[in-house]
Amino acid sequence: MYSCFDRSPFPVINMSSLTYPAPAPPGSPIQPVPAIQFVGGPLALHITHKLHAGFPSPAADYTADPLDLNQYLVDRVACTFLFDVAGWSMSGAHIVEGDKVVVDRSVSPQPGHIVVAIVNAEFTIKRLRLVNGAYELHPENPDFRPIRFGDGEVLEVFGVVVGVARKML
């Protein structure tokens, strides 16, 4: 069984074009923050009910359930990392600069997933696509181009994005 702390050998999804999971690039100025550092005391908020566009019921105040954001966003603490998003290439997927993405290294990447990958020794966030038998990384913003890999090049996926957190103010 694979452990998200194993670094070598890497499980290979497709021998010719995708390696998963990839280690963090050495010397990269951007490093993921392990979610385990954020698990501690309760971070409870109260959810009163589903949010509707109309008027809430006066009884809604009495239906509160506690919500721990760690439990909500993190399934496997030891395999989960948080990244700060820089840039706007994923704005069509509602992931924008300043957001934090929750990345789970234990989820096997599949076409259609949003992934954190390593390209030219740097982290990037894009949607994984399988086009004509080759993996590509696609932005969700028409101002950016897909990242395609040539023969012999290997796409390294660090993990799969499983959540997004954003501060509004």
Protein backbone atom coordinates (compact mmCIF):
# COMPACT_ATOMS: atom_id res chain seq x y z
CA MET A 1 0.00 0.00 0.00
CA TYR A 2 1.25 3.46 -0.89
CA SER A 3 2.04 5.93 1.87
CA CYS A 4 1.95 9.61 0.99
CA PHE A 5 5.32 9.97 2.71
CA ASP A 6 7.01 7.48 0.38
CA ARG A 7 9.21 9.34 -2.05
CA SER A 8 10.79 6.53 -4.01
CA PRO A 9 9.91 4.65 -6.02
CA PHE A 10 6.97 6.69 -7.29
CA PRO A 11 3.80 4.94 -8.32
CA VAL A 12 3.44 5.49 -12.05
CA ILE A 13 -0.02 5.98 -13.51
CA ASN A 14 1.07 5.97 -17.14
CA MET A 15 4.66 4.97 -17.83
CA SER A 16 5.04 7.29 -20.79
CA SER A 17 3.66 10.57 -19.52
CA LEU A 18 2.54 10.87 -15.88
CA THR A 19 4.36 10.31 -12.59
CA TYR A 20 2.45 10.49 -9.34
CA PRO A 21 3.07 11.62 -6.69
CA ALA A 22 6.03 13.82 -7.40
CA PRO A 23 8.28 15.21 -4.67
CA ALA A 24 8.45 18.94 -4.06
CA PRO A 25 11.05 20.49 -6.35
CA PRO A 26 14.36 20.97 -4.54
CA GLY A 27 15.15 24.61 -3.86
CA SER A 28 11.67 25.79 -4.85
CA PRO A 29 10.76 29.06 -3.10
CA ILE A 30 7.17 27.78 -2.82
CA GLN A 31 6.64 24.92 -0.41
CA PRO A 32 3.34 23.33 0.59
CA VAL A 33 2.22 23.61 4.19
CA PRO A 34 1.23 20.25 5.66
CA ALA A 35 -2.38 20.30 6.85
CA ILE A 36 -1.25 18.43 9.97
CA GLN A 37 0.11 21.77 11.26
CA PHE A 38 -3.42 23.17 11.23
CA VAL A 39 -5.13 20.37 13.13
CA GLY A 40 -5.43 21.25 16.77
CA GLY A 41 -8.12 22.90 18.79
CA PRO A 42 -11.65 23.12 17.49
CA LEU A 43 -12.35 25.63 14.75
CA ALA A 44 -16.07 25.38 15.14
CA LEU A 45 -18.53 27.54 13.30
CA HIS A 46 -22.22 26.93 13.32
CA ILE A 47 -24.19 26.04 10.26
CA THR A 48 -27.80 27.03 10.76
CA HIS A 49 -29.36 25.65 7.58
CA LYS A 50 -28.97 25.67 3.83
CA LEU A 51 -28.59 29.18 2.47
CA HIS A 52 -31.62 30.31 0.48
CA ALA A 53 -32.16 33.57 -1.32
CA GLY A 54 -35.40 34.23 0.59
CA PHE A 55 -36.01 34.95 4.28
CA PRO A 56 -34.70 32.45 6.84
CA SER A 57 -37.01 30.70 9.23
CA PRO A 58 -37.00 32.12 12.78
CA ALA A 59 -36.55 28.52 14.01
CA ALA A 60 -33.29 28.21 12.06
CA ASP A 61 -31.29 29.52 15.04
CA TYR A 62 -32.11 26.31 16.88
CA THR A 63 -30.89 23.90 14.19
CA ALA A 64 -27.16 24.69 14.38
CA ASP A 65 -24.66 21.90 13.81
CA PRO A 66 -20.96 22.45 14.57
CA LEU A 67 -18.53 22.53 11.65
CA ASP A 68 -14.81 21.92 11.99
CA LEU A 69 -13.17 23.12 8.78
CA ASN A 70 -10.36 20.60 9.25
CA GLN A 71 -12.83 17.73 9.25
CA TYR A 72 -14.72 19.23 6.32
CA LEU A 73 -11.72 19.88 4.04
CA VAL A 74 -9.14 17.28 5.11
CA ASP A 75 -9.80 13.55 4.76
CA ARG A 76 -6.25 12.28 5.25
CA VAL A 77 -4.23 14.69 7.38
CA ALA A 78 -0.83 13.10 6.74
CA CYS A 79 -1.35 13.29 2.95
CA THR A 80 -2.87 16.76 2.74
CA PHE A 81 -1.09 20.02 2.01
CA LEU A 82 -2.20 23.64 1.63
CA PHE A 83 -0.95 25.95 -1.11
CA ASP A 84 -1.43 29.68 -1.61
CA VAL A 85 -2.64 30.42 -5.14
CA ALA A 86 -0.77 33.04 -7.16
CA GLY A 87 -2.15 34.12 -10.52
CA TRP A 88 -5.39 33.87 -12.45
CA SER A 89 -5.02 30.88 -14.78
CA MET A 90 -7.74 28.94 -12.90
CA SER A 91 -10.29 31.75 -12.55
CA GLY A 92 -12.83 29.86 -14.68
CA ALA A 93 -12.81 27.15 -11.99
CA HIS A 94 -13.31 29.84 -9.33
CA ILE A 95 -9.76 29.48 -8.02
CA VAL A 96 -8.05 32.87 -7.94
CA GLU A 97 -5.02 34.63 -6.53
CA GLY A 98 -5.04 34.66 -2.74
CA ASP A 99 -7.09 31.47 -2.39
CA LYS A 100 -5.74 28.50 -0.49
CA VAL A 101 -6.13 25.10 -2.12
CA VAL A 102 -6.28 21.84 -0.22
CA VAL A 103 -4.21 19.18 -2.00
CA ASP A 104 -4.48 15.48 -1.17
CA ARG A 105 -1.56 13.32 -2.28
CA SER A 106 -3.44 10.08 -1.64
CA VAL A 107 -6.04 10.74 -4.37
CA SER A 108 -5.04 9.22 -7.70
CA PRO A 109 -5.18 11.91 -10.41
CA GLN A 110 -7.70 11.33 -13.18
CA PRO A 111 -8.46 13.34 -16.33
CA GLY A 112 -10.77 16.19 -15.34
CA HIS A 113 -9.27 16.62 -11.86
CA ILE A 114 -7.63 19.87 -10.88
CA VAL A 115 -4.08 19.00 -9.86
CA VAL A 116 -0.95 20.60 -8.50
CA ALA A 117 1.87 19.60 -10.82
CA ILE A 118 5.56 20.33 -11.10
CA VAL A 119 6.62 21.95 -14.36
CA ASN A 120 10.18 23.19 -14.84
CA ALA A 121 10.89 22.73 -11.11
CA GLU A 122 7.93 24.94 -10.11
CA PHE A 123 4.47 24.17 -8.79
CA THR A 124 1.46 24.97 -10.95
CA ILE A 125 -2.27 24.35 -10.62
CA LYS A 126 -4.20 23.23 -13.71
CA ARG A 127 -6.87 20.81 -14.88
CA LEU A 128 -5.51 17.43 -15.99
CA ARG A 129 -6.69 16.42 -19.47
CA LEU A 130 -6.01 13.40 -21.65
CA VAL A 131 -5.85 14.62 -25.26
CA ASN A 132 -5.10 12.18 -28.11
CA GLY A 133 -3.50 9.75 -25.64
CA ALA A 134 -1.23 12.35 -23.99
CA TYR A 135 -1.67 14.13 -20.66
CA GLU A 136 -1.89 17.92 -20.74
CA LEU A 137 -2.41 20.63 -18.13
CA HIS A 138 -5.19 23.05 -19.03
CA PRO A 139 -5.86 26.44 -17.48
CA GLU A 140 -9.42 27.57 -16.81
CA ASN A 141 -8.82 31.02 -18.27
CA PRO A 142 -8.72 31.67 -22.04
CA ASP A 143 -5.83 34.15 -21.58
CA PHE A 144 -3.52 31.22 -20.75
CA ARG A 145 -2.33 28.31 -22.90
CA PRO A 146 -2.37 24.60 -22.05
CA ILE A 147 0.89 22.97 -21.05
CA ARG A 148 1.75 20.11 -23.38
CA PHE A 149 4.55 17.62 -22.95
CA GLY A 150 6.76 16.33 -25.74
CA ASP A 151 8.03 12.81 -26.31
CA GLY A 152 10.07 11.61 -23.36
CA GLU A 153 8.86 14.39 -21.09
CA VAL A 154 7.12 13.33 -17.88
CA LEU A 155 4.28 15.16 -16.20
CA GLU A 156 4.85 15.11 -12.43
CA VAL A 157 1.68 15.46 -10.35
CA PHE A 158 2.16 16.44 -6.71
CA GLY A 159 -1.47 15.87 -5.71
CA VAL A 160 -5.14 16.45 -6.44
CA VAL A 161 -7.00 19.60 -5.36
CA VAL A 162 -9.86 18.59 -3.07
CA GLY A 163 -10.89 21.97 -1.69
CA VAL A 164 -10.54 25.74 -1.87
CA ALA A 165 -10.65 28.31 0.93
CA ARG A 166 -11.10 32.06 0.35
CA LYS A 167 -11.29 35.09 2.59
CA MET A 168 -13.75 37.63 1.30
CA LEU A 169 -12.49 40.68 3.18
